[in-house]
Amino acid sequence: MNRNTFAYVVVVLFLALGCSGVAAQSTRSAAADKYLISARAGGVNYIQGAVAIARGDGTGGTLIKGDRLEIGDKVSTNDAARAEILLNPGSFMRVGSVSEFEFITTALDDLQIRLKKGNAIFEVFATDDFRVTVMTPKGRVSMIDSGVYRIDVRPGGDATVAVTEGKAQLGDSKATVVKSGRVGTIGDSVAIAKFDRGKRDEMDEWSRSRGKDLAKVTASLKQKDIRASLISSFNNNRWGMYDSFGLWIYNPFYGAYSFLPFGNRWYSPYGFGFGYGMDWGTIPWWNRNPRPVYVSPGTSAGPARQRRPGAIVSPPYTAVERQSQRQTRVDNSQDAWPTQRSGSARGTSDPGFTPAASAPVQTSQPPVRTSRRTSPID
């Protein structure tokens, strides 16, 4: 090999190594962005039929999957339409046809929604410091425990609150508590009665089916696949363990967000397992441990609890994790419901489950897009 040939080979090898390095870096970057991480409320996770939005800034149009709702945005569904909205991570609002609602606040620790008419099912995780409140025309509904709640607002403004699982407070002062298996009515007065949790309509079945599918999506996530996205998002200050119970993970194969809880062995309010959730290997060590909360005497460090100065506070997910693990679990049968629970060691993850195969068929009409976002929720 002469000198010129040798030099040529060296240059070719150098260029090849450089290109492969760039390609590897690009591949690593793509892998880090494969799953989108969010801890925000207001994301539109599912749309069926025609759903309209009137934005607080005066714009409006058709709401589509991937949009984000802000305070003051008014949403209305047509006949046979449905929508699934992300609340604080792990909690969903599923809205039925001929319904209207808007966000009053999107704060994760005090999320408030105004339901003007129609019906909505809430699958929520809640504690004293993290709760979901719904304002109806005749009064307030506060979901103070993790569970499944259905609110129907009648034409005259009266509302019924059916608690399949959990506990709700009706009204403001001297609130009436509605427990599992009870339905409360808010009108000129408040009344409570029993209801048959085994009697379900199409709206109930759809909400439960969505909850089951999304739990399977979480259970199918692999730690090694999402670790890069989690750490990248954390380093950009997009989440912290004291802000919520977990994270929304956008799964590109399923085309929707599912809930990834902090910690392990969680079960959804419907009773379906999330698998092992986020294990310690994916959580930065400096964000795991209890931390002191410094408050001045006489002030509150949370909406529902006052803490002494310098008190050590665990991440809020720990309370829900303990609550979730104490509950009895459902099996994976089609007939399972919170009143028909049987044992399940690891939740309802099916070894042969393919998220894309279980994705609901979108029947919405071709959207006329006038809302602001054009990309999945960040």
Protein backbone atom coordinates (compact mmCIF):
# COMPACT_ATOMS: atom_id res chain seq x y z
CA MET A 1 0.00 0.00 0.00
CA ASN A 2 1.55 3.31 -1.07
CA ARG A 3 1.45 6.52 0.94
CA ASN A 4 -1.47 8.08 -0.96
CA THR A 5 -3.62 4.98 -0.61
CA PHE A 6 -2.88 4.77 3.11
CA ALA A 7 -3.84 8.43 3.58
CA TYR A 8 -7.07 7.88 1.67
CA VAL A 9 -8.01 4.89 3.89
CA VAL A 10 -7.29 6.90 7.05
CA VAL A 11 -9.54 9.75 5.88
CA VAL A 12 -12.36 7.36 4.97
CA LEU A 13 -12.14 5.63 8.38
CA PHE A 14 -12.09 9.00 10.16
CA LEU A 15 -15.17 10.19 8.30
CA ALA A 16 -16.97 6.89 8.92
CA LEU A 17 -16.27 7.04 12.66
CA GLY A 18 -17.38 10.65 12.81
CA CYS A 19 -20.63 9.92 11.01
CA SER A 20 -21.31 6.91 13.22
CA GLY A 21 -20.71 9.08 16.29
CA VAL A 22 -23.16 11.69 15.04
CA ALA A 23 -25.67 8.95 14.21
CA ALA A 24 -25.26 7.38 17.65
CA GLN A 25 -25.73 10.77 19.30
CA SER A 26 -28.81 11.41 17.16
CA THR A 27 -30.15 7.95 18.05
CA ARG A 28 -29.60 8.58 21.77
CA SER A 29 -31.34 11.95 21.46
CA ALA A 30 -34.27 10.36 19.63
CA ALA A 31 -34.49 7.67 22.30
CA ALA A 32 -34.57 10.32 25.03
CA ASP A 33 -37.47 12.04 23.27
CA LYS A 34 -39.35 8.86 22.47
CA TYR A 35 -41.74 9.26 25.40
CA LEU A 36 -43.08 12.70 26.30
CA ILE A 37 -43.28 13.39 30.02
CA SER A 38 -45.78 15.75 31.62
CA ALA A 39 -47.10 16.54 35.09
CA ARG A 40 -49.63 19.14 33.93
CA ALA A 41 -53.41 19.03 33.92
CA GLY A 42 -55.71 19.90 31.02
CA GLY A 43 -54.45 17.60 28.28
CA VAL A 44 -57.00 16.20 25.82
CA ASN A 45 -56.35 12.45 25.71
CA TYR A 46 -59.30 11.18 23.65
CA ILE A 47 -62.03 12.64 21.46
CA GLN A 48 -65.02 10.93 19.89
CA GLY A 49 -67.52 12.86 17.83
CA ALA A 50 -67.81 16.65 17.63
CA VAL A 51 -66.42 18.58 20.60
CA ALA A 52 -66.31 22.40 20.48
CA ILE A 53 -64.12 24.80 22.42
CA ALA A 54 -64.41 28.52 23.11
CA ARG A 55 -61.00 29.74 24.30
CA GLY A 56 -60.62 32.34 27.00
CA ASP A 57 -58.76 34.56 24.52
CA GLY A 58 -61.79 34.74 22.23
CA THR A 59 -60.74 32.07 19.70
CA GLY A 60 -62.61 28.82 19.24
CA GLY A 61 -63.28 25.85 17.03
CA THR A 62 -63.12 22.08 17.25
CA LEU A 63 -61.27 20.46 20.12
CA ILE A 64 -59.01 17.61 19.05
CA LYS A 65 -56.84 15.05 20.74
CA GLY A 66 -53.50 16.52 21.81
CA ASP A 67 -54.89 19.98 22.61
CA ARG A 68 -54.48 21.49 26.07
CA LEU A 69 -57.18 23.24 28.05
CA GLU A 70 -56.44 26.35 30.05
CA ILE A 71 -58.41 28.21 32.71
CA GLY A 72 -61.51 29.78 31.18
CA ASP A 73 -61.65 27.54 28.10
CA LYS A 74 -65.26 26.38 27.66
CA VAL A 75 -65.82 22.93 26.17
CA SER A 76 -69.11 21.50 24.89
CA THR A 77 -69.85 18.06 23.43
CA ASN A 78 -72.46 17.28 20.80
CA ASP A 79 -74.84 14.34 20.80
CA ALA A 80 -72.91 11.01 20.86
CA ALA A 81 -69.62 12.81 21.53
CA ARG A 82 -67.14 12.01 24.30
CA ALA A 83 -63.88 13.39 25.61
CA GLU A 84 -61.19 12.26 28.05
CA ILE A 85 -59.27 15.00 29.86
CA LEU A 86 -56.13 14.60 31.97
CA LEU A 87 -56.35 16.00 35.50
CA ASN A 88 -53.57 15.66 38.06
CA PRO A 89 -51.38 12.68 37.06
CA GLY A 90 -53.36 9.49 37.56
CA SER A 91 -56.76 11.22 37.44
CA PHE A 92 -59.08 11.43 34.43
CA MET A 93 -62.31 13.23 33.61
CA ARG A 94 -64.43 11.46 30.98
CA VAL A 95 -67.20 13.65 29.61
CA GLY A 96 -70.37 12.36 27.96
CA SER A 97 -72.55 13.77 25.20
CA VAL A 98 -74.40 17.11 25.38
CA SER A 99 -72.19 18.33 28.22
CA GLU A 100 -70.42 21.59 29.03
CA PHE A 101 -67.48 22.23 31.35
CA GLU A 102 -64.51 24.50 31.99
CA PHE A 103 -61.47 24.59 34.28
CA ILE A 104 -61.62 27.03 37.17
CA THR A 105 -58.06 26.14 38.23
CA THR A 106 -55.50 23.68 36.91
CA ALA A 107 -53.41 23.55 40.11
CA LEU A 108 -52.56 19.90 40.77
CA ASP A 109 -53.13 20.20 44.53
CA ASP A 110 -56.48 22.01 44.19
CA LEU A 111 -57.92 21.26 40.76
CA GLN A 112 -61.38 22.76 40.17
CA ILE A 113 -63.81 22.23 37.28
CA ARG A 114 -67.19 23.75 36.53
CA LEU A 115 -69.66 21.22 35.04
CA LYS A 116 -72.53 23.29 33.66
CA LYS A 117 -74.62 20.50 32.17
CA GLY A 118 -74.47 16.90 31.06
CA ASN A 119 -72.44 14.18 32.74
CA ALA A 120 -68.87 13.26 33.53
CA ILE A 121 -67.09 10.35 35.20
CA PHE A 122 -64.04 11.05 37.33
CA GLU A 123 -61.40 8.40 37.94
CA VAL A 124 -59.23 10.12 40.54
CA PHE A 125 -56.43 9.73 43.05
CA ALA A 126 -56.87 12.06 46.01
CA THR A 127 -55.50 12.87 49.46
CA ASP A 128 -56.06 15.72 51.93
CA ASP A 129 -53.51 17.82 50.06
CA PHE A 130 -54.48 16.77 46.51
CA ARG A 131 -58.14 16.73 45.59
CA VAL A 132 -60.47 17.37 42.66
CA THR A 133 -63.46 19.67 43.09
CA VAL A 134 -66.41 20.04 40.68
CA MET A 135 -68.73 23.03 40.80
CA THR A 136 -72.29 22.25 39.67
CA PRO A 137 -75.05 24.86 39.22
CA LYS A 138 -76.45 24.02 42.68
CA GLY A 139 -73.30 23.30 44.69
CA ARG A 140 -69.80 21.94 45.13
CA VAL A 141 -68.60 18.33 44.94
CA SER A 142 -65.19 17.59 46.49
CA MET A 143 -63.62 14.19 45.82
CA ILE A 144 -61.65 13.62 49.01
CA ASP A 145 -60.64 9.98 48.49
CA SER A 146 -59.31 8.05 45.52
CA GLY A 147 -62.18 6.50 43.62
CA VAL A 148 -64.67 6.57 40.76
CA TYR A 149 -67.38 9.26 40.70
CA ARG A 150 -70.13 10.09 38.25
CA ILE A 151 -71.81 13.49 38.19
CA ASP A 152 -74.98 14.14 36.17
CA VAL A 153 -76.30 17.71 35.91
CA ARG A 154 -80.01 17.81 35.10
CA PRO A 155 -81.70 20.48 32.95
CA GLY A 156 -82.91 22.43 35.99
CA GLY A 157 -79.42 22.55 37.52
CA ASP A 158 -79.87 19.79 40.11
CA ALA A 159 -77.02 17.27 40.12
CA THR A 160 -76.56 13.66 41.22
CA VAL A 161 -73.21 12.33 42.45
CA ALA A 162 -72.86 8.54 42.28
CA VAL A 163 -69.84 7.23 44.23
CA THR A 164 -68.80 3.82 42.95
CA GLU A 165 -65.60 3.90 45.01
CA GLY A 166 -64.26 6.63 47.26
CA LYS A 167 -65.78 9.43 49.29
CA ALA A 168 -67.21 12.81 48.25
CA GLN A 169 -68.29 15.93 50.11
CA LEU A 170 -71.34 17.85 48.88
CA GLY A 171 -71.69 21.53 49.62
CA ASP A 172 -69.47 24.06 51.34
CA SER A 173 -70.12 24.57 55.04
CA LYS A 174 -71.36 21.50 56.95
CA ALA A 175 -70.67 19.38 53.89
CA THR A 176 -72.57 16.11 53.46
CA VAL A 177 -70.34 13.05 52.93
CA VAL A 178 -71.31 10.51 50.26
CA LYS A 179 -69.55 7.13 50.60
CA SER A 180 -69.10 4.19 48.24
CA GLY A 181 -72.34 2.70 46.97
CA ARG A 182 -74.30 5.90 47.62
CA VAL A 183 -75.67 8.62 45.38
CA GLY A 184 -76.13 12.18 46.54
CA THR A 185 -78.46 14.77 45.02
CA ILE A 186 -77.64 18.48 45.09
CA GLY A 187 -80.64 20.73 44.63
CA ASP A 188 -82.59 22.98 46.96
CA SER A 189 -81.45 20.47 49.59
CA VAL A 190 -79.04 17.54 49.73
CA ALA A 191 -80.26 13.93 49.80
CA ILE A 192 -78.41 10.59 49.88
CA ALA A 193 -79.61 7.17 48.75
CA LYS A 194 -78.18 3.78 47.81
CA PHE A 195 -77.62 2.76 44.22
CA ASP A 196 -76.78 -0.47 42.42
CA ARG A 197 -73.10 -0.32 41.44
CA GLY A 198 -73.59 -3.36 39.22
CA LYS A 199 -76.10 -1.52 37.03
CA ARG A 200 -74.13 0.40 34.43
CA ASP A 201 -74.95 2.22 31.23
CA GLU A 202 -72.85 2.72 28.10
CA MET A 203 -71.04 5.73 29.60
CA ASP A 204 -70.01 3.73 32.67
CA GLU A 205 -68.77 0.85 30.54
CA TRP A 206 -66.77 3.14 28.27
CA SER A 207 -65.05 4.84 31.21
CA ARG A 208 -64.16 1.51 32.80
CA SER A 209 -62.86 0.16 29.48
CA ARG A 210 -60.65 3.23 29.05
CA GLY A 211 -59.34 2.83 32.58
CA LYS A 212 -58.51 -0.81 31.94
CA ASP A 213 -56.74 -0.15 28.64
CA LEU A 214 -54.67 2.72 30.04
CA ALA A 215 -53.61 0.64 33.05
CA LYS A 216 -52.39 -2.01 30.62
CA VAL A 217 -50.43 0.61 28.70
CA THR A 218 -48.65 1.60 31.92
CA ALA A 219 -47.98 -2.03 32.82
CA SER A 220 -46.42 -2.59 29.38
CA LEU A 221 -43.85 0.21 29.84
CA LYS A 222 -40.26 -0.95 30.28
CA GLN A 223 -38.01 0.95 32.67
CA LYS A 224 -35.02 0.87 30.34
CA ASP A 225 -37.06 2.42 27.53
CA ILE A 226 -38.39 5.38 29.51
CA ARG A 227 -35.42 6.11 31.77
CA ALA A 228 -33.70 8.51 29.34
CA SER A 229 -36.92 10.49 28.81
CA LEU A 230 -37.59 10.65 32.54
CA ILE A 231 -34.14 11.91 33.46
CA SER A 232 -34.05 14.40 30.58
CA SER A 233 -37.43 15.79 31.61
CA PHE A 234 -36.41 15.95 35.28
CA ASN A 235 -33.19 17.80 34.46
CA ASN A 236 -35.31 20.38 32.60
CA ASN A 237 -37.42 20.94 35.74
CA ARG A 238 -40.56 19.48 34.23
CA TRP A 239 -41.45 17.29 37.19
CA GLY A 240 -40.66 16.60 40.83
CA MET A 241 -41.87 14.01 43.31
CA TYR A 242 -43.45 16.62 45.58
CA ASP A 243 -45.63 18.06 42.80
CA SER A 244 -47.92 15.09 42.11
CA PHE A 245 -48.44 11.33 42.52
CA GLY A 246 -46.65 10.43 39.31
CA LEU A 247 -46.32 11.45 35.68
CA TRP A 248 -48.20 11.42 32.42
CA ILE A 249 -46.26 9.37 29.86
CA TYR A 250 -47.15 9.86 26.20
CA ASN A 251 -46.85 6.44 24.55
CA PRO A 252 -46.32 6.89 20.78
CA PHE A 253 -47.36 3.29 20.09
CA TYR A 254 -50.72 3.76 21.81
CA GLY A 255 -51.16 7.39 20.83
CA ALA A 256 -52.23 8.60 24.26
CA TYR A 257 -50.99 9.48 27.73
CA SER A 258 -51.06 6.92 30.54
CA PHE A 259 -50.16 7.30 34.21
CA LEU A 260 -46.78 6.26 35.57
CA PRO A 261 -46.92 6.35 39.38
CA PHE A 262 -44.01 7.14 41.65
CA GLY A 263 -43.22 3.99 43.62
CA ASN A 264 -44.48 0.47 42.98
CA ARG A 265 -47.47 -1.87 43.01
CA TRP A 266 -50.16 0.73 42.37
CA TYR A 267 -53.72 -0.05 41.33
CA SER A 268 -56.10 2.28 39.55
CA PRO A 269 -59.32 3.52 41.19
CA TYR A 270 -61.09 0.88 39.09
CA GLY A 271 -58.75 -1.71 40.60
CA PHE A 272 -56.54 -2.49 37.60
CA GLY A 273 -52.82 -2.91 38.17
CA PHE A 274 -50.12 -0.58 36.80
CA GLY A 275 -47.37 -3.18 37.13
CA TYR A 276 -44.29 -1.98 39.01
CA GLY A 277 -44.50 1.72 38.17
CA MET A 278 -41.37 3.83 38.57
CA ASP A 279 -38.74 1.93 40.54
CA TRP A 280 -35.92 3.54 42.49
CA GLY A 281 -33.47 3.06 39.63
CA THR A 282 -35.33 5.63 37.52
CA ILE A 283 -35.76 8.26 40.24
CA PRO A 284 -32.84 10.65 40.92
CA TRP A 285 -31.66 10.01 44.48
CA TRP A 286 -31.88 13.71 45.44
CA ASN A 287 -35.60 13.70 44.62
CA ARG A 288 -36.67 10.59 46.55
CA ASN A 289 -36.26 11.32 50.24
CA PRO A 290 -38.50 13.18 52.69
CA ARG A 291 -37.58 16.84 52.97
CA PRO A 292 -38.14 19.55 55.58
CA VAL A 293 -40.84 22.14 54.95
CA TYR A 294 -40.05 25.55 56.43
CA VAL A 295 -43.12 27.63 57.24
CA SER A 296 -43.68 30.55 59.54
CA PRO A 297 -45.86 29.90 62.59
CA GLY A 298 -49.50 30.45 61.79
CA THR A 299 -49.22 29.87 58.01
CA SER A 300 -50.27 26.85 56.01
CA ALA A 301 -48.02 24.75 53.79
CA GLY A 302 -50.95 23.12 52.07
CA PRO A 303 -54.64 23.65 51.28
CA ALA A 304 -55.94 21.28 53.96
CA ARG A 305 -53.19 20.83 56.56
CA GLN A 306 -51.02 23.07 58.71
CA ARG A 307 -47.50 21.88 59.51
CA ARG A 308 -45.08 23.00 62.14
CA PRO A 309 -41.96 24.86 60.99
CA GLY A 310 -39.24 22.48 59.83
CA ALA A 311 -41.58 19.47 59.66
CA ILE A 312 -40.32 16.53 57.59
CA VAL A 313 -42.76 15.80 54.78
CA SER A 314 -42.75 12.68 52.61
CA PRO A 315 -43.59 12.93 48.91
CA PRO A 316 -47.40 13.02 48.48
CA TYR A 317 -47.45 9.81 46.44
CA THR A 318 -46.58 7.70 49.50
CA ALA A 319 -50.04 8.19 51.04
CA VAL A 320 -51.84 7.06 47.87
CA GLU A 321 -49.39 4.19 47.34
CA ARG A 322 -50.25 2.79 50.78
CA GLN A 323 -53.95 3.30 50.11
CA SER A 324 -53.70 1.59 46.73
CA GLN A 325 -51.86 -1.42 48.11
CA ARG A 326 -54.38 -1.93 50.93
CA GLN A 327 -57.31 -2.26 48.57
CA THR A 328 -58.54 -5.59 47.23
CA ARG A 329 -57.69 -6.10 43.55
CA VAL A 330 -59.74 -7.02 40.54
CA ASP A 331 -58.98 -9.89 38.24
CA ASN A 332 -58.65 -9.47 34.49
CA SER A 333 -62.11 -10.70 33.50
CA GLN A 334 -64.51 -8.59 31.47
CA ASP A 335 -67.06 -8.68 34.31
CA ALA A 336 -64.75 -7.44 37.04
CA TRP A 337 -65.90 -4.29 38.84
CA PRO A 338 -64.98 -2.74 42.18
CA THR A 339 -67.73 -4.76 43.89
CA GLN A 340 -66.52 -8.04 42.35
CA ARG A 341 -62.83 -8.03 43.26
CA SER A 342 -60.56 -11.01 43.57
CA GLY A 343 -56.82 -11.38 44.11
CA SER A 344 -54.15 -10.34 41.61
CA ALA A 345 -50.50 -10.37 42.58
CA ARG A 346 -49.06 -7.94 40.07
CA GLY A 347 -52.07 -6.25 38.57
CA THR A 348 -53.64 -6.88 35.20
CA SER A 349 -50.69 -6.79 32.84
CA ASP A 350 -51.21 -9.28 30.02
CA PRO A 351 -47.97 -10.80 28.65
CA GLY A 352 -49.35 -10.71 25.13
CA PHE A 353 -50.80 -7.21 25.32
CA THR A 354 -49.98 -4.88 22.45
CA PRO A 355 -51.02 -1.26 23.19
CA ALA A 356 -51.64 -0.36 19.55
CA ALA A 357 -54.01 -3.29 19.16
CA SER A 358 -56.20 -2.07 22.02
CA ALA A 359 -56.36 1.58 21.02
CA PRO A 360 -59.97 2.79 20.76
CA VAL A 361 -61.20 3.52 17.27
CA GLN A 362 -61.41 7.26 16.75
CA THR A 363 -64.75 8.15 15.24
CA SER A 364 -64.39 11.91 15.40
CA GLN A 365 -65.11 13.95 12.31
CA PRO A 366 -62.22 15.56 10.41
CA PRO A 367 -61.17 18.41 12.67
CA VAL A 368 -61.30 22.06 11.75
CA ARG A 369 -58.35 23.19 13.80
CA THR A 370 -58.43 26.67 15.27
CA SER A 371 -56.94 25.98 18.70
CA ARG A 372 -53.38 26.86 19.49
CA ARG A 373 -51.41 23.62 19.85
CA THR A 374 -50.38 21.41 16.95
CA SER A 375 -48.25 18.86 18.84
CA PRO A 376 -48.86 16.34 21.61
CA ILE A 377 -49.18 17.72 25.10
CA ASP A 378 -45.92 18.81 26.66
